[in-house]
Structures are given as C-alpha cells and as structure tokens.
Protein backbone atom coordinates (compact mmCIF):
# COMPACT_ATOMS: atom_id res chain seq x y z
CA UNK A 1 85.13 -4.50 -75.28
CA UNK A 2 87.91 -2.41 -73.01
CA UNK A 3 88.00 -0.51 -70.08
CA UNK A 4 89.88 2.29 -71.95
CA UNK A 5 87.46 2.69 -74.36
CA UNK A 6 84.50 2.14 -71.83
CA UNK A 7 85.55 5.39 -70.39
CA UNK A 8 87.68 7.23 -72.76
CA UNK A 9 85.77 11.06 -71.69
CA UNK A 10 84.06 13.27 -74.57
CA UNK A 11 85.73 16.69 -74.43
CA UNK A 12 84.03 19.08 -72.83
CA UNK A 13 81.20 20.58 -73.41
CA UNK A 14 77.91 22.74 -72.33
CA UNK A 15 74.99 23.36 -74.93
CA UNK A 16 72.03 23.51 -72.36
CA UNK A 17 70.34 19.62 -72.84
CA UNK A 18 69.01 19.79 -69.90
CA UNK A 19 66.25 23.06 -70.84
CA UNK A 20 66.89 21.12 -74.53
CA UNK A 21 64.78 18.00 -73.09
CA UNK A 22 62.13 19.70 -70.20
CA UNK A 23 60.77 21.94 -73.92
CA UNK A 24 60.78 18.18 -75.90
CA UNK A 25 58.77 17.37 -72.47
CA UNK A 26 56.21 19.46 -71.97
CA UNK A 27 55.82 19.91 -75.94
CA UNK A 28 54.90 15.89 -75.85
CA UNK A 29 53.47 16.32 -73.50
CA UNK A 30 50.88 19.44 -74.82
CA UNK A 31 50.41 17.63 -77.75
CA UNK A 32 49.46 13.82 -76.13
CA UNK A 33 46.88 16.45 -73.91
CA UNK A 34 45.27 16.85 -77.39
CA UNK A 35 45.45 12.96 -78.56
CA UNK A 36 44.90 10.70 -75.91
CA UNK A 37 46.18 8.27 -79.50
CA UNK A 38 49.21 9.72 -79.29
CA UNK A 39 50.02 9.32 -74.99
CA UNK A 40 48.85 5.16 -76.21
CA UNK A 41 51.82 5.19 -78.63
CA UNK A 42 54.55 6.87 -76.56
CA UNK A 43 53.92 5.28 -73.64
CA UNK A 44 55.20 1.70 -73.07
CA UNK A 45 52.93 -1.02 -72.77
CA UNK A 46 53.91 -5.08 -73.25
CA UNK A 47 51.50 -5.67 -76.27
CA UNK A 48 51.84 -2.42 -77.74
CA UNK A 49 56.21 -2.88 -78.54
CA UNK A 50 55.75 -7.37 -78.98
CA UNK A 51 52.70 -8.07 -80.20
CA UNK A 52 52.19 -4.51 -82.70
CA UNK A 53 56.09 -3.59 -82.63
CA UNK A 54 56.21 -0.25 -81.24
CA UNK A 55 59.84 -0.55 -80.33
CA UNK A 56 60.25 3.19 -80.17
CA UNK A 57 58.30 2.97 -77.62
CA UNK A 58 61.63 2.70 -74.14
CA UNK A 59 62.41 6.00 -75.30
CA UNK A 60 59.21 7.79 -76.26
CA UNK A 61 58.03 6.65 -72.90
CA UNK A 62 60.14 9.16 -70.79
CA UNK A 63 58.79 12.10 -73.19
CA UNK A 64 54.43 11.21 -72.27
CA UNK A 65 53.18 12.21 -69.43
CA UNK A 66 50.11 11.41 -67.20
CA UNK A 67 49.05 14.77 -66.24
CA UNK A 68 50.17 18.83 -65.01
CA UNK A 69 51.42 17.21 -61.42
CA UNK A 70 53.43 14.56 -63.25
CA UNK A 71 55.63 16.46 -65.49
CA UNK A 72 55.83 19.50 -63.03
CA UNK A 73 57.48 17.42 -60.95
CA UNK A 74 59.64 15.23 -63.07
CA UNK A 75 60.94 18.60 -64.84
CA UNK A 76 61.30 19.78 -61.05
CA UNK A 77 64.07 17.25 -61.50
CA UNK A 78 65.30 17.70 -64.13
CA UNK A 79 66.40 20.98 -63.60
CA UNK A 80 67.57 20.94 -60.01
CA UNK A 81 69.01 17.77 -59.77
CA UNK A 82 70.02 17.81 -64.28
CA UNK A 83 71.97 21.21 -64.93
CA UNK A 84 74.07 20.84 -61.90
CA UNK A 85 74.87 17.04 -63.57
CA UNK A 86 75.00 18.73 -66.98
CA UNK A 87 77.82 21.18 -65.89
CA UNK A 88 79.62 19.20 -64.32
CA UNK A 89 79.81 16.75 -66.60
CA UNK A 90 79.88 18.32 -69.98
CA UNK A 91 76.36 17.52 -71.92
CA UNK A 92 77.23 14.73 -73.93
CA UNK A 93 78.62 12.50 -71.00
CA UNK A 94 74.88 13.85 -69.20
CA UNK A 95 72.73 13.05 -71.96
CA UNK A 96 74.88 9.71 -72.72
CA UNK A 97 73.61 9.37 -68.84
CA UNK A 98 70.51 10.50 -69.10
CA UNK A 99 69.92 8.18 -71.90
CA UNK A 100 71.18 4.84 -71.13
CA UNK A 101 69.50 4.56 -67.91
CA UNK A 102 66.69 6.12 -68.77
CA UNK A 103 66.18 3.57 -71.56
CA UNK A 104 67.64 0.26 -69.78
CA UNK A 105 65.29 0.92 -67.19
CA UNK A 106 62.22 1.34 -69.24
CA UNK A 107 63.53 -2.58 -71.24
CA UNK A 108 63.50 -3.80 -67.63
CA UNK A 109 60.75 -2.86 -66.69
CA UNK A 110 58.80 -3.58 -69.96
CA UNK A 111 60.50 -6.85 -69.34
CA UNK A 112 59.55 -7.38 -66.00
CA UNK A 113 56.14 -6.78 -66.77
CA UNK A 114 55.69 -9.49 -69.30
CA UNK A 115 57.64 -11.66 -67.04
CA UNK A 116 54.75 -11.15 -64.42
CA UNK A 117 51.73 -10.95 -66.87
CA UNK A 118 50.88 -7.63 -66.39
CA UNK A 119 49.72 -6.71 -70.10
CA UNK A 120 47.76 -3.85 -69.25
CA UNK A 121 50.37 -1.24 -67.49
CA UNK A 122 51.63 1.75 -69.10
CA UNK A 123 54.40 3.17 -68.44
CA UNK A 124 55.33 6.70 -68.54
CA UNK A 125 57.04 9.05 -67.58
CA UNK A 126 60.62 10.59 -67.14
CA UNK A 127 61.13 9.90 -63.38
CA UNK A 128 63.29 6.68 -63.60
CA UNK A 129 66.18 9.28 -65.64
CA UNK A 130 65.68 11.69 -62.84
CA UNK A 131 66.57 9.06 -60.44
CA UNK A 132 69.43 8.28 -62.45
CA UNK A 133 70.50 12.09 -62.01
CA UNK A 134 69.29 12.73 -58.48
CA UNK A 135 72.02 9.37 -57.44
CA UNK A 136 74.65 11.18 -59.78
CA UNK A 137 73.75 14.67 -58.55
CA UNK A 138 74.53 12.97 -54.31
CA UNK A 139 78.22 11.17 -55.86
CA UNK A 140 79.25 14.56 -58.15
CA UNK A 141 78.22 16.48 -54.76
CA UNK A 142 77.95 14.53 -51.93
CA UNK A 143 78.12 17.30 -49.30
CA UNK A 144 75.16 18.91 -51.22
CA UNK A 145 72.10 19.51 -48.29
CA UNK A 146 68.22 19.52 -50.36
CA UNK A 147 65.22 20.98 -48.73
CA UNK A 148 62.70 18.44 -48.59
CA UNK A 149 59.31 20.85 -48.70
CA UNK A 150 61.59 23.80 -48.84
CA UNK A 151 61.97 23.16 -44.80
CA UNK A 152 64.31 20.27 -43.96
CA UNK A 153 67.28 19.59 -45.03
CA UNK A 154 69.37 16.46 -45.47
CA UNK A 155 72.40 15.30 -47.85
CA UNK A 156 72.05 14.20 -50.99
CA UNK A 157 73.60 11.05 -50.65
CA UNK A 158 70.51 10.85 -47.64
CA UNK A 159 68.31 11.97 -50.02
CA UNK A 160 69.34 8.94 -52.06
CA UNK A 161 69.41 6.51 -49.49
CA UNK A 162 65.78 7.40 -48.06
CA UNK A 163 64.34 7.68 -51.75
CA UNK A 164 65.68 4.43 -52.69
CA UNK A 165 64.55 2.88 -48.69
CA UNK A 166 60.99 4.65 -49.74
CA UNK A 167 60.63 2.53 -53.34
CA UNK A 168 61.97 -0.33 -52.20
CA UNK A 169 58.99 -1.31 -49.65
CA UNK A 170 56.56 1.28 -51.83
CA UNK A 171 56.27 -1.69 -54.80
CA UNK A 172 54.89 -4.34 -51.47
CA UNK A 173 51.82 -2.21 -51.85
CA UNK A 174 49.11 -1.43 -54.23
CA UNK A 175 50.48 1.52 -55.93
CA UNK A 176 49.85 2.43 -59.20
CA UNK A 177 53.88 4.44 -59.03
CA UNK A 178 55.66 1.64 -61.05
CA UNK A 179 58.76 2.27 -57.82
CA UNK A 180 60.52 -1.16 -59.49
CA UNK A 181 61.62 1.60 -63.16
CA UNK A 182 62.06 3.99 -59.92
CA UNK A 183 64.75 2.30 -57.85
CA UNK A 184 66.43 0.69 -61.46
CA UNK A 185 67.24 4.31 -61.82
CA UNK A 186 69.32 3.67 -59.51
CA UNK A 187 71.10 0.91 -59.96
CA UNK A 188 71.75 1.80 -63.89
CA UNK A 189 73.60 4.93 -62.01
CA UNK A 190 75.17 3.10 -59.75
CA UNK A 191 76.63 1.24 -62.35
CA UNK A 192 76.89 3.78 -65.46
CA UNK A 193 79.05 5.64 -62.41
CA UNK A 194 81.50 2.33 -62.16
CA UNK A 195 81.68 1.51 -65.26
CA UNK A 196 81.65 4.07 -67.17
CA UNK A 197 83.34 6.35 -65.42
CA UNK A 198 85.52 4.76 -62.41
CA UNK A 199 83.78 6.46 -59.53
CA UNK A 200 82.74 4.86 -56.86
CA UNK A 201 80.15 6.43 -54.85
CA UNK A 202 80.21 4.63 -51.12
CA UNK A 203 83.82 5.62 -51.48
CA UNK A 204 83.32 9.04 -52.59
CA UNK A 205 80.40 9.41 -49.82
CA UNK A 206 82.45 7.78 -46.87
CA UNK A 207 85.06 10.32 -48.58
CA UNK A 208 82.79 13.47 -47.86
CA UNK A 209 81.69 13.03 -44.24
CA UNK A 210 84.25 11.55 -42.68
C-alpha cells in the first residue's frame, strides 16, 4: 500500500459527528443501566471474545461505561477535544482517527490481557479514544491552554506529557484503571498523525514554542 494512498485526504465535510458519538454513548449507557447483561455483552473481555466469539466487543466497549462519573468525564473530554479536532480536519478524518485508535486500542488491550492471564477483566469506556483525541488536539492546537481543575493553565503539549507520565507510572499500581489502554491511545494517535497525516508532533511542538 503506497504512502500516497494512505495519505489521500478526504474531501472536507462537517456533520457534528462529535455530538452523534456523545448521543450514542449516552443512549448505550442508559440501556446498560436497564440490563447488566447488556453491559457484559458490550464491554470487552478475553473469555467473551475468544471463547464465546463476541467479536463486536473491540468496537462496542468504547460505548459502554461503568457509572455516571465515568461517562461524564469521557464525554466532556470527547466534547472539549473532539469537537475542535473535528472542525479542523473534517468529520470523516475525525471518525477515522477516533475509530482506528479506539478499535486498535481495544485489540492491543485484549492481547495484553490474554497473554498475561487477566481473563476476568472487562474493559469498557471511551477513554482510550479520548486520549487519542487529546494528543491530536495538542498537535493541531499546540499553543492552546488547557485549564486543569478549571484554574491551572497548561499548554496542551505539556498536558499530554503529564498525562502520559501519570499513566506510565500508574501501571505499576494496583489501580483498576486501564492505564495501558490510555497510553496506547497516545501512541496510536502519534502513529496515525505520522503515517496518515504526515505530521511529526515533536516538530510541531518545537516550532510552536521556539
């Protein structure tokens, strides 16, 4: 597959895909509050995928959330970072980035859980894909300021670096948060930007902050 084909741009269009994704996430969350069985079918688990052939789970896990706080923070991240990215690159490119990173993130996490024997883990949530959008946002808007806790301003690239460091070191704790999934969200977005869009994030950040 040639580089020209991989980097062939979509014709720009905008269809509020971010709001559609948020609406689907909220709808699925409400449905899973009614049926815990549905939550188990849509979130991702090694046994369910490998032994019961629930091959849809590397996609549907992104739309499944554990509680109100979980979906609230993920949807706020999707709104704050996804909408500017979508407006900048267009809805088609945005959706390709979102689903490529989210699905690949799920498959890599599934492989890790399979190889390490974490068969009891149920992975759910859009956070891996949202972390990918955060990195894309920091590359597209490298001089943007993000207010942590609403009061502490940080440049978007610094925010990415801090989050990556926190997720890396948090892997060595007993936390149930899918830190590997968050880290691979960053890595996949980095690869997407380099391979698909021909953008070097480090070069962008260096040029922005000279």
